[in-house]
Amino acid sequence: MESYYQPEDLAKFEEIGKEAPELAKKFFDYYAAVFADGELTEREKCLIALAVAHTIQCPYCIEAYTRACLEKGSNPGEMTEAVHVATAIRGGASLVHGIQMRNIAQKISM
């Protein structure tokens, strides 16, 4: 079955810089700095990235951060919990916007 997502494309990510090498270098340098140990460990940052990847529904990111989490020592239970945290936040954000709907409905009903 054809799909926009081609797993082999993940390994080609750095090719995005062929036509704009200066910008790609800046991005990849920034990216490396973000994921280096700091106040948060690399493992913690990978768990956050995995949760965000599910929120934005990027199959490339889900694959990359699933691998990274495992490589950094996370286990499937931690990873699943991180995904549930993202799901709870995304679901709550959707629900709280229901107040906007209620406010509009109330104005129209007046």
C-alpha atoms as a PDB file:
ATOM      1  CA  MET A   1       0.000   0.000   0.000  1.00  0.00           C
ATOM      2  CA  GLU A   2       1.327   3.437  -0.941  1.00  0.00           C
ATOM      3  CA  SER A   3       1.801   5.993   1.804  1.00  0.00           C
ATOM      4  CA  TYR A   4       3.236   9.472   2.193  1.00  0.00           C
ATOM      5  CA  TYR A   5       5.352   8.026   4.990  1.00  0.00           C
ATOM      6  CA  GLN A   6       8.369   6.165   3.681  1.00  0.00           C
ATOM      7  CA  PRO A   7      10.431   4.810   6.601  1.00  0.00           C
ATOM      8  CA  GLU A   8      13.626   4.953   4.557  1.00  0.00           C
ATOM      9  CA  ASP A   9      13.201   8.736   4.197  1.00  0.00           C
ATOM     10  CA  LEU A  10      14.043   9.250   7.865  1.00  0.00           C
ATOM     11  CA  ALA A  11      17.668   8.340   7.128  1.00  0.00           C
ATOM     12  CA  LYS A  12      17.715  11.026   4.400  1.00  0.00           C
ATOM     13  CA  PHE A  13      16.762  13.882   6.749  1.00  0.00           C
ATOM     14  CA  GLU A  14      20.115  15.668   6.440  1.00  0.00           C
ATOM     15  CA  GLU A  15      19.609  15.910   2.672  1.00  0.00           C
ATOM     16  CA  ILE A  16      17.159  18.731   3.374  1.00  0.00           C
ATOM     17  CA  GLY A  17      20.206  20.988   3.600  1.00  0.00           C
ATOM     18  CA  LYS A  18      21.498  20.422   0.073  1.00  0.00           C
ATOM     19  CA  GLU A  19      19.989  23.611  -1.328  1.00  0.00           C
ATOM     20  CA  ALA A  20      20.360  25.666   1.860  1.00  0.00           C
ATOM     21  CA  PRO A  21      23.417  24.346   3.699  1.00  0.00           C
ATOM     22  CA  GLU A  22      23.851  27.406   5.949  1.00  0.00           C
ATOM     23  CA  LEU A  23      20.302  27.165   7.230  1.00  0.00           C
ATOM     24  CA  ALA A  24      20.514  23.404   7.651  1.00  0.00           C
ATOM     25  CA  LYS A  25      23.733  23.736   9.656  1.00  0.00           C
ATOM     26  CA  LYS A  26      22.105  26.289  11.942  1.00  0.00           C
ATOM     27  CA  PHE A  27      19.101  24.030  12.450  1.00  0.00           C
ATOM     28  CA  PHE A  28      21.155  20.888  13.108  1.00  0.00           C
ATOM     29  CA  ASP A  29      23.514  22.751  15.475  1.00  0.00           C
ATOM     30  CA  TYR A  30      20.514  24.122  17.377  1.00  0.00           C
ATOM     31  CA  TYR A  31      18.868  20.697  17.396  1.00  0.00           C
ATOM     32  CA  ALA A  32      22.009  19.075  18.830  1.00  0.00           C
ATOM     33  CA  ALA A  33      22.247  21.744  21.529  1.00  0.00           C
ATOM     34  CA  VAL A  34      18.587  21.315  22.488  1.00  0.00           C
ATOM     35  CA  PHE A  35      18.958  17.561  22.936  1.00  0.00           C
ATOM     36  CA  ALA A  36      22.256  17.689  24.869  1.00  0.00           C
ATOM     37  CA  ASP A  37      22.220  17.114  28.614  1.00  0.00           C
ATOM     38  CA  GLY A  38      21.238  20.251  30.479  1.00  0.00           C
ATOM     39  CA  GLU A  39      18.711  20.794  33.229  1.00  0.00           C
ATOM     40  CA  LEU A  40      16.981  17.794  31.675  1.00  0.00           C
ATOM     41  CA  THR A  41      18.823  14.635  30.699  1.00  0.00           C
ATOM     42  CA  GLU A  42      18.965  13.445  27.106  1.00  0.00           C
ATOM     43  CA  ARG A  43      16.655  10.592  28.167  1.00  0.00           C
ATOM     44  CA  GLU A  44      14.066  12.993  29.590  1.00  0.00           C
ATOM     45  CA  LYS A  45      14.233  15.150  26.471  1.00  0.00           C
ATOM     46  CA  CYS A  46      13.668  12.092  24.278  1.00  0.00           C
ATOM     47  CA  LEU A  47      10.558  11.190  26.297  1.00  0.00           C
ATOM     48  CA  ILE A  48       9.238  14.731  25.836  1.00  0.00           C
ATOM     49  CA  ALA A  49      10.011  14.552  22.117  1.00  0.00           C
ATOM     50  CA  LEU A  50       8.213  11.212  21.853  1.00  0.00           C
ATOM     51  CA  ALA A  51       5.122  12.685  23.489  1.00  0.00           C
ATOM     52  CA  VAL A  52       5.206  15.742  21.222  1.00  0.00           C
ATOM     53  CA  ALA A  53       5.725  13.494  18.186  1.00  0.00           C
ATOM     54  CA  HIS A  54       2.452  11.756  18.976  1.00  0.00           C
ATOM     55  CA  THR A  55       0.688  15.078  19.477  1.00  0.00           C
ATOM     56  CA  ILE A  56       1.789  16.371  16.071  1.00  0.00           C
ATOM     57  CA  GLN A  57       1.295  12.870  14.614  1.00  0.00           C
ATOM     58  CA  CYS A  58       4.627  12.764  12.780  1.00  0.00           C
ATOM     59  CA  PRO A  59       5.450   9.152  11.898  1.00  0.00           C
ATOM     60  CA  TYR A  60       9.101  10.047  11.282  1.00  0.00           C
ATOM     61  CA  CYS A  61       9.385  11.642  14.729  1.00  0.00           C
ATOM     62  CA  ILE A  62       7.548   8.760  16.389  1.00  0.00           C
ATOM     63  CA  GLU A  63      10.017   6.313  14.857  1.00  0.00           C
ATOM     64  CA  ALA A  64      13.073   8.438  15.648  1.00  0.00           C
ATOM     65  CA  TYR A  65      12.120   9.143  19.258  1.00  0.00           C
ATOM     66  CA  THR A  66      10.940   5.614  19.951  1.00  0.00           C
ATOM     67  CA  ARG A  67      14.422   4.476  18.956  1.00  0.00           C
ATOM     68  CA  ALA A  68      16.096   7.323  20.853  1.00  0.00           C
ATOM     69  CA  CYS A  69      14.100   6.610  24.021  1.00  0.00           C
ATOM     70  CA  LEU A  70      15.097   2.960  23.950  1.00  0.00           C
ATOM     71  CA  GLU A  71      18.734   3.858  23.250  1.00  0.00           C
ATOM     72  CA  LYS A  72      18.754   6.300  26.188  1.00  0.00           C
ATOM     73  CA  GLY A  73      17.394   3.659  28.571  1.00  0.00           C
ATOM     74  CA  SER A  74      13.660   4.332  28.656  1.00  0.00           C
ATOM     75  CA  ASN A  75      11.334   1.372  28.780  1.00  0.00           C
ATOM     76  CA  PRO A  76       7.998   0.873  27.003  1.00  0.00           C
ATOM     77  CA  GLY A  77       6.087   1.651  30.202  1.00  0.00           C
ATOM     78  CA  GLU A  78       7.716   5.087  30.529  1.00  0.00           C
ATOM     79  CA  MET A  79       7.238   5.739  26.846  1.00  0.00           C
ATOM     80  CA  THR A  80       3.567   4.766  26.975  1.00  0.00           C
ATOM     81  CA  GLU A  81       3.027   7.004  29.999  1.00  0.00           C
ATOM     82  CA  ALA A  82       4.642   9.931  28.145  1.00  0.00           C
ATOM     83  CA  VAL A  83       2.254   9.363  25.227  1.00  0.00           C
ATOM     84  CA  HIS A  84      -0.695   9.318  27.650  1.00  0.00           C
ATOM     85  CA  VAL A  85       0.450  12.645  29.143  1.00  0.00           C
ATOM     86  CA  ALA A  86       0.484  14.170  25.661  1.00  0.00           C
ATOM     87  CA  THR A  87      -2.926  12.663  24.931  1.00  0.00           C
ATOM     88  CA  ALA A  88      -4.382  14.110  28.137  1.00  0.00           C
ATOM     89  CA  ILE A  89      -3.057  17.580  27.343  1.00  0.00           C
ATOM     90  CA  ARG A  90      -4.264  17.430  23.712  1.00  0.00           C
ATOM     91  CA  GLY A  91      -7.665  16.127  24.786  1.00  0.00           C
ATOM     92  CA  GLY A  92      -7.985  18.761  27.499  1.00  0.00           C
ATOM     93  CA  ALA A  93      -7.034  21.502  25.063  1.00  0.00           C
ATOM     94  CA  SER A  94      -9.759  20.318  22.701  1.00  0.00           C
ATOM     95  CA  LEU A  95     -12.323  20.187  25.486  1.00  0.00           C
ATOM     96  CA  VAL A  96     -11.493  23.596  26.935  1.00  0.00           C
ATOM     97  CA  HIS A  97     -12.143  25.113  23.504  1.00  0.00           C
ATOM     98  CA  GLY A  98     -15.679  23.797  23.978  1.00  0.00           C
ATOM     99  CA  ILE A  99     -16.181  26.802  26.251  1.00  0.00           C
ATOM    100  CA  GLN A 100     -15.691  28.978  23.183  1.00  0.00           C
ATOM    101  CA  MET A 101     -18.481  27.043  21.469  1.00  0.00           C
ATOM    102  CA  ARG A 102     -20.712  27.442  24.505  1.00  0.00           C
ATOM    103  CA  ASN A 103     -20.050  31.205  24.655  1.00  0.00           C
ATOM    104  CA  ILE A 104     -20.907  31.635  20.963  1.00  0.00           C
ATOM    105  CA  ALA A 105     -24.012  29.480  21.267  1.00  0.00           C
ATOM    106  CA  GLN A 106     -25.139  31.521  24.274  1.00  0.00           C
ATOM    107  CA  LYS A 107     -24.658  34.819  22.383  1.00  0.00           C
ATOM    108  CA  ILE A 108     -26.607  33.525  19.374  1.00  0.00           C
ATOM    109  CA  SER A 109     -29.411  32.228  21.589  1.00  0.00           C
ATOM    110  CA  MET A 110     -29.949  35.591  23.290  1.00  0.00           C
END
